Amino acid sequence: MDMATITTARPGLDALVSGISEIVGLRRTPRETAYAVADLLRDRLPGLGLLTPQEREGSPDTYVSHLLHARDDFSIVAVVWRPGQYTVIHDHVSWCTFGILSGIEHETLYRDMGDHLVEIGRADNRPGEVSGFAPPGDIHMVRNISAEVGVSLHVYGADVSRLGSSVRRVYDLPVR
């Protein structure tokens, strides 16, 4: 396995990378890995100082992803969301763990029924909150519903620098 690593130096990132590396090295199931990384992130969730002031501004056009670390078996990405910005309905190529640094990320979960989607849950994720999941069952849309710029830290069980994104599939089905 090619263990080429891309890392951007950030306060607290080295300790996070080290802890995630240990967990990923245990080769647990994707769900177990996501939950273990979520536990680690709860203890080591960095602050907004992880990003520069310019990075924390985001973009008026769409949410912005900042790749902070990538290697074959996991990546760390900071996502910046201005108020009202959102993703399309999508799922992921791998397990994912995320922690909220600022803002409120409203997540809507869906189930694919073949010719339509059904909403199966909602959650408002607030600063300091951490969660993790693994496919299947990870179809969702995320929106910053707060009046402030939101920042979240995402850990994916894949090299998003190579893949270009953590998104496996975008859903354009009606929601019933």
C-alpha atoms as a PDB file:
ATOM      1  CA  MET A   1       0.000   0.000   0.000  1.00  0.00           C
ATOM      2  CA  ASP A   2       1.295   3.445  -0.930  1.00  0.00           C
ATOM      3  CA  MET A   3       1.349   5.481   2.247  1.00  0.00           C
ATOM      4  CA  ALA A   4       2.051   8.812   0.550  1.00  0.00           C
ATOM      5  CA  THR A   5       0.872  11.527   2.885  1.00  0.00           C
ATOM      6  CA  ILE A   6      -0.294  15.068   2.282  1.00  0.00           C
ATOM      7  CA  THR A   7      -0.383  17.193   5.418  1.00  0.00           C
ATOM      8  CA  THR A   8      -0.850  20.881   6.002  1.00  0.00           C
ATOM      9  CA  ALA A   9       0.770  21.995   9.280  1.00  0.00           C
ATOM     10  CA  ARG A  10      -1.940  23.083  11.742  1.00  0.00           C
ATOM     11  CA  PRO A  11      -2.103  23.488  15.529  1.00  0.00           C
ATOM     12  CA  GLY A  12      -3.195  20.178  17.079  1.00  0.00           C
ATOM     13  CA  LEU A  13      -3.340  18.322  13.774  1.00  0.00           C
ATOM     14  CA  ASP A  14      -0.301  16.104  14.453  1.00  0.00           C
ATOM     15  CA  ALA A  15      -1.849  14.585  17.606  1.00  0.00           C
ATOM     16  CA  LEU A  16      -5.114  13.983  15.764  1.00  0.00           C
ATOM     17  CA  VAL A  17      -3.350  12.324  12.815  1.00  0.00           C
ATOM     18  CA  SER A  18      -1.347  10.121  15.176  1.00  0.00           C
ATOM     19  CA  GLY A  19      -4.439   8.945  17.062  1.00  0.00           C
ATOM     20  CA  ILE A  20      -6.430   8.278  13.884  1.00  0.00           C
ATOM     21  CA  SER A  21      -3.469   6.367  12.422  1.00  0.00           C
ATOM     22  CA  GLU A  22      -3.453   4.050  15.448  1.00  0.00           C
ATOM     23  CA  ILE A  23      -7.197   3.412  15.171  1.00  0.00           C
ATOM     24  CA  VAL A  24      -7.119   2.807  11.411  1.00  0.00           C
ATOM     25  CA  GLY A  25      -4.151   0.458  11.905  1.00  0.00           C
ATOM     26  CA  LEU A  26      -6.350  -1.847  13.996  1.00  0.00           C
ATOM     27  CA  ARG A  27      -8.272  -2.726  10.804  1.00  0.00           C
ATOM     28  CA  ARG A  28     -11.698  -2.861  12.448  1.00  0.00           C
ATOM     29  CA  THR A  29     -14.938  -2.830  10.479  1.00  0.00           C
ATOM     30  CA  PRO A  30     -15.790   0.533   8.886  1.00  0.00           C
ATOM     31  CA  ARG A  31     -18.541   1.203  11.450  1.00  0.00           C
ATOM     32  CA  GLU A  32     -16.273   0.322  14.394  1.00  0.00           C
ATOM     33  CA  THR A  33     -13.540   2.531  12.941  1.00  0.00           C
ATOM     34  CA  ALA A  34     -15.941   5.471  12.505  1.00  0.00           C
ATOM     35  CA  TYR A  35     -17.132   5.172  16.099  1.00  0.00           C
ATOM     36  CA  ALA A  36     -13.578   4.840  17.479  1.00  0.00           C
ATOM     37  CA  VAL A  37     -12.431   7.903  15.513  1.00  0.00           C
ATOM     38  CA  ALA A  38     -15.522   9.768  16.799  1.00  0.00           C
ATOM     39  CA  ASP A  39     -14.494   8.928  20.374  1.00  0.00           C
ATOM     40  CA  LEU A  40     -10.986  10.239  19.657  1.00  0.00           C
ATOM     41  CA  LEU A  41     -12.349  13.392  18.037  1.00  0.00           C
ATOM     42  CA  ARG A  42     -14.549  14.082  21.083  1.00  0.00           C
ATOM     43  CA  ASP A  43     -11.359  14.198  23.193  1.00  0.00           C
ATOM     44  CA  ARG A  44      -9.201  16.056  20.646  1.00  0.00           C
ATOM     45  CA  LEU A  45     -11.573  18.269  18.690  1.00  0.00           C
ATOM     46  CA  PRO A  46      -9.438  21.256  17.698  1.00  0.00           C
ATOM     47  CA  GLY A  47     -10.570  24.865  17.790  1.00  0.00           C
ATOM     48  CA  LEU A  48     -11.142  27.345  15.001  1.00  0.00           C
ATOM     49  CA  GLY A  49      -7.406  28.163  15.087  1.00  0.00           C
ATOM     50  CA  LEU A  50      -6.999  25.083  12.921  1.00  0.00           C
ATOM     51  CA  LEU A  51      -7.824  27.351   9.962  1.00  0.00           C
ATOM     52  CA  THR A  52      -6.463  30.747   9.015  1.00  0.00           C
ATOM     53  CA  PRO A  53      -8.833  33.728   9.246  1.00  0.00           C
ATOM     54  CA  GLN A  54      -9.048  33.769   5.440  1.00  0.00           C
ATOM     55  CA  GLU A  55      -9.978  30.068   5.316  1.00  0.00           C
ATOM     56  CA  ARG A  56     -12.687  30.633   7.951  1.00  0.00           C
ATOM     57  CA  GLU A  57     -14.381  33.242   5.740  1.00  0.00           C
ATOM     58  CA  GLY A  58     -15.664  30.621   3.310  1.00  0.00           C
ATOM     59  CA  SER A  59     -17.106  31.593  -0.064  1.00  0.00           C
ATOM     60  CA  PRO A  60     -20.316  33.432  -0.938  1.00  0.00           C
ATOM     61  CA  ASP A  61     -20.994  30.844  -3.673  1.00  0.00           C
ATOM     62  CA  THR A  62     -20.856  27.479  -1.900  1.00  0.00           C
ATOM     63  CA  TYR A  63     -19.385  25.702   1.094  1.00  0.00           C
ATOM     64  CA  VAL A  64     -15.599  25.232   0.905  1.00  0.00           C
ATOM     65  CA  SER A  65     -13.518  22.164   1.792  1.00  0.00           C
ATOM     66  CA  HIS A  66      -9.931  22.525   2.999  1.00  0.00           C
ATOM     67  CA  LEU A  67      -7.916  19.301   2.767  1.00  0.00           C
ATOM     68  CA  LEU A  68      -5.680  19.214   5.859  1.00  0.00           C
ATOM     69  CA  HIS A  69      -4.288  15.687   5.684  1.00  0.00           C
ATOM     70  CA  ALA A  70      -4.570  12.818   3.221  1.00  0.00           C
ATOM     71  CA  ARG A  71      -3.081   9.385   2.795  1.00  0.00           C
ATOM     72  CA  ASP A  72      -4.350   6.084   1.439  1.00  0.00           C
ATOM     73  CA  ASP A  73      -6.415   5.072   4.470  1.00  0.00           C
ATOM     74  CA  PHE A  74      -7.873   8.355   5.757  1.00  0.00           C
ATOM     75  CA  SER A  75      -8.211  12.067   5.120  1.00  0.00           C
ATOM     76  CA  ILE A  76      -8.996  15.067   7.303  1.00  0.00           C
ATOM     77  CA  VAL A  77     -10.995  17.902   5.775  1.00  0.00           C
ATOM     78  CA  ALA A  78     -12.264  21.170   7.271  1.00  0.00           C
ATOM     79  CA  VAL A  79     -15.538  22.381   5.744  1.00  0.00           C
ATOM     80  CA  VAL A  80     -16.574  26.041   5.942  1.00  0.00           C
ATOM     81  CA  TRP A  81     -20.260  26.904   5.492  1.00  0.00           C
ATOM     82  CA  ARG A  82     -21.704  30.384   5.304  1.00  0.00           C
ATOM     83  CA  PRO A  83     -25.253  30.750   6.665  1.00  0.00           C
ATOM     84  CA  GLY A  84     -27.760  28.845   4.526  1.00  0.00           C
ATOM     85  CA  GLN A  85     -25.184  26.929   2.476  1.00  0.00           C
ATOM     86  CA  TYR A  86     -25.868  23.237   1.970  1.00  0.00           C
ATOM     87  CA  THR A  87     -24.855  20.056   0.198  1.00  0.00           C
ATOM     88  CA  VAL A  88     -26.831  18.114  -2.344  1.00  0.00           C
ATOM     89  CA  ILE A  89     -28.316  14.824  -1.138  1.00  0.00           C
ATOM     90  CA  HIS A  90     -25.428  12.353  -1.283  1.00  0.00           C
ATOM     91  CA  ASP A  91     -23.706   9.344   0.254  1.00  0.00           C
ATOM     92  CA  HIS A  92     -20.039   8.549   0.838  1.00  0.00           C
ATOM     93  CA  VAL A  93     -17.246   6.323  -0.445  1.00  0.00           C
ATOM     94  CA  SER A  94     -16.187   5.343   3.087  1.00  0.00           C
ATOM     95  CA  TRP A  95     -16.817   5.715   6.798  1.00  0.00           C
ATOM     96  CA  CYS A  96     -16.919   9.284   8.069  1.00  0.00           C
ATOM     97  CA  THR A  97     -16.612  11.070  11.380  1.00  0.00           C
ATOM     98  CA  PHE A  98     -17.309  14.773  11.863  1.00  0.00           C
ATOM     99  CA  GLY A  99     -17.075  17.335  14.637  1.00  0.00           C
ATOM    100  CA  ILE A 100     -18.639  20.784  14.716  1.00  0.00           C
ATOM    101  CA  LEU A 101     -16.334  23.717  15.513  1.00  0.00           C
ATOM    102  CA  SER A 102     -18.844  26.535  14.887  1.00  0.00           C
ATOM    103  CA  GLY A 103     -22.315  27.050  13.476  1.00  0.00           C
ATOM    104  CA  ILE A 104     -25.170  24.541  13.444  1.00  0.00           C
ATOM    105  CA  GLU A 105     -25.208  21.817  10.804  1.00  0.00           C
ATOM    106  CA  HIS A 106     -28.719  20.553  10.184  1.00  0.00           C
ATOM    107  CA  GLU A 107     -28.523  17.029   8.780  1.00  0.00           C
ATOM    108  CA  THR A 108     -31.419  15.291   7.054  1.00  0.00           C
ATOM    109  CA  LEU A 109     -31.107  11.519   6.588  1.00  0.00           C
ATOM    110  CA  TYR A 110     -32.771   9.544   3.791  1.00  0.00           C
ATOM    111  CA  ARG A 111     -33.427   5.961   2.703  1.00  0.00           C
ATOM    112  CA  ASP A 112     -33.305   5.039  -0.992  1.00  0.00           C
ATOM    113  CA  MET A 113     -36.534   3.282  -2.007  1.00  0.00           C
ATOM    114  CA  GLY A 114     -35.432   2.749  -5.620  1.00  0.00           C
ATOM    115  CA  ASP A 115     -37.572   5.367  -7.347  1.00  0.00           C
ATOM    116  CA  HIS A 116     -37.714   7.889  -4.483  1.00  0.00           C
ATOM    117  CA  LEU A 117     -36.144   8.832  -1.155  1.00  0.00           C
ATOM    118  CA  VAL A 118     -37.849   8.761   2.232  1.00  0.00           C
ATOM    119  CA  GLU A 119     -36.737  11.054   5.037  1.00  0.00           C
ATOM    120  CA  ILE A 120     -35.786   8.909   8.042  1.00  0.00           C
ATOM    121  CA  GLY A 121     -34.317  11.440  10.459  1.00  0.00           C
ATOM    122  CA  ARG A 122     -33.017  14.888  11.271  1.00  0.00           C
ATOM    123  CA  ALA A 123     -30.368  16.222  13.612  1.00  0.00           C
ATOM    124  CA  ASP A 124     -28.999  19.636  14.503  1.00  0.00           C
ATOM    125  CA  ASN A 125     -25.284  19.240  15.153  1.00  0.00           C
ATOM    126  CA  ARG A 126     -23.880  22.011  17.372  1.00  0.00           C
ATOM    127  CA  PRO A 127     -20.355  23.133  18.320  1.00  0.00           C
ATOM    128  CA  GLY A 128     -18.493  20.418  20.197  1.00  0.00           C
ATOM    129  CA  GLU A 129     -20.744  17.628  18.959  1.00  0.00           C
ATOM    130  CA  VAL A 130     -19.198  14.683  17.135  1.00  0.00           C
ATOM    131  CA  SER A 131     -20.733  11.807  15.206  1.00  0.00           C
ATOM    132  CA  GLY A 132     -19.671   9.004  12.910  1.00  0.00           C
ATOM    133  CA  PHE A 133     -21.226   6.648  10.382  1.00  0.00           C
ATOM    134  CA  ALA A 134     -20.397   4.131   7.694  1.00  0.00           C
ATOM    135  CA  PRO A 135     -22.133   3.094   4.475  1.00  0.00           C
ATOM    136  CA  PRO A 136     -24.672   1.811   3.773  1.00  0.00           C
ATOM    137  CA  GLY A 137     -27.316   4.025   5.284  1.00  0.00           C
ATOM    138  CA  ASP A 138     -25.399   7.273   4.983  1.00  0.00           C
ATOM    139  CA  ILE A 139     -27.588   9.185   2.507  1.00  0.00           C
ATOM    140  CA  HIS A 140     -27.939  12.745   3.753  1.00  0.00           C
ATOM    141  CA  MET A 141     -28.018  16.478   3.096  1.00  0.00           C
ATOM    142  CA  VAL A 142     -26.301  18.989   5.382  1.00  0.00           C
ATOM    143  CA  ARG A 143     -27.126  22.707   5.781  1.00  0.00           C
ATOM    144  CA  ASN A 144     -25.701  25.457   7.999  1.00  0.00           C
ATOM    145  CA  ILE A 145     -28.822  26.794   9.724  1.00  0.00           C
ATOM    146  CA  SER A 146     -27.021  29.247  12.016  1.00  0.00           C
ATOM    147  CA  ALA A 147     -26.487  32.956  11.428  1.00  0.00           C
ATOM    148  CA  GLU A 148     -22.710  32.513  11.697  1.00  0.00           C
ATOM    149  CA  VAL A 149     -20.129  30.903   9.446  1.00  0.00           C
ATOM    150  CA  GLY A 150     -19.984  27.213  10.317  1.00  0.00           C
ATOM    151  CA  VAL A 151     -16.831  25.133  10.429  1.00  0.00           C
ATOM    152  CA  SER A 152     -16.751  21.362  10.758  1.00  0.00           C
ATOM    153  CA  LEU A 153     -13.931  18.844  10.759  1.00  0.00           C
ATOM    154  CA  HIS A 154     -14.480  15.634   8.766  1.00  0.00           C
ATOM    155  CA  VAL A 155     -12.404  12.460   8.804  1.00  0.00           C
ATOM    156  CA  TYR A 156     -12.982  10.075   5.895  1.00  0.00           C
ATOM    157  CA  GLY A 157     -11.688   6.520   5.563  1.00  0.00           C
ATOM    158  CA  ALA A 158     -10.321   7.211   2.079  1.00  0.00           C
ATOM    159  CA  ASP A 159      -7.752   9.354   0.289  1.00  0.00           C
ATOM    160  CA  VAL A 160      -9.901  12.260  -0.893  1.00  0.00           C
ATOM    161  CA  SER A 161      -6.861  13.911  -2.497  1.00  0.00           C
ATOM    162  CA  ARG A 162      -6.789  11.013  -4.942  1.00  0.00           C
ATOM    163  CA  LEU A 163     -10.564  10.594  -5.267  1.00  0.00           C
ATOM    164  CA  GLY A 164     -11.322  14.315  -5.494  1.00  0.00           C
ATOM    165  CA  SER A 165     -14.231  14.035  -3.053  1.00  0.00           C
ATOM    166  CA  SER A 166     -15.753  11.890  -0.313  1.00  0.00           C
ATOM    167  CA  VAL A 167     -19.019  11.714  -2.243  1.00  0.00           C
ATOM    168  CA  ARG A 168     -19.851   8.361  -3.795  1.00  0.00           C
ATOM    169  CA  ARG A 169     -23.209   9.219  -5.321  1.00  0.00           C
ATOM    170  CA  VAL A 170     -25.525  12.241  -5.644  1.00  0.00           C
ATOM    171  CA  TYR A 171     -29.267  11.556  -5.407  1.00  0.00           C
ATOM    172  CA  ASP A 172     -31.697  13.370  -7.666  1.00  0.00           C
ATOM    173  CA  LEU A 173     -34.780  11.347  -6.686  1.00  0.00           C
ATOM    174  CA  PRO A 174     -38.023  12.820  -5.377  1.00  0.00           C
ATOM    175  CA  VAL A 175     -38.436  12.834  -1.605  1.00  0.00           C
ATOM    176  CA  ARG A 176     -41.744  11.365  -0.425  1.00  0.00           C
END
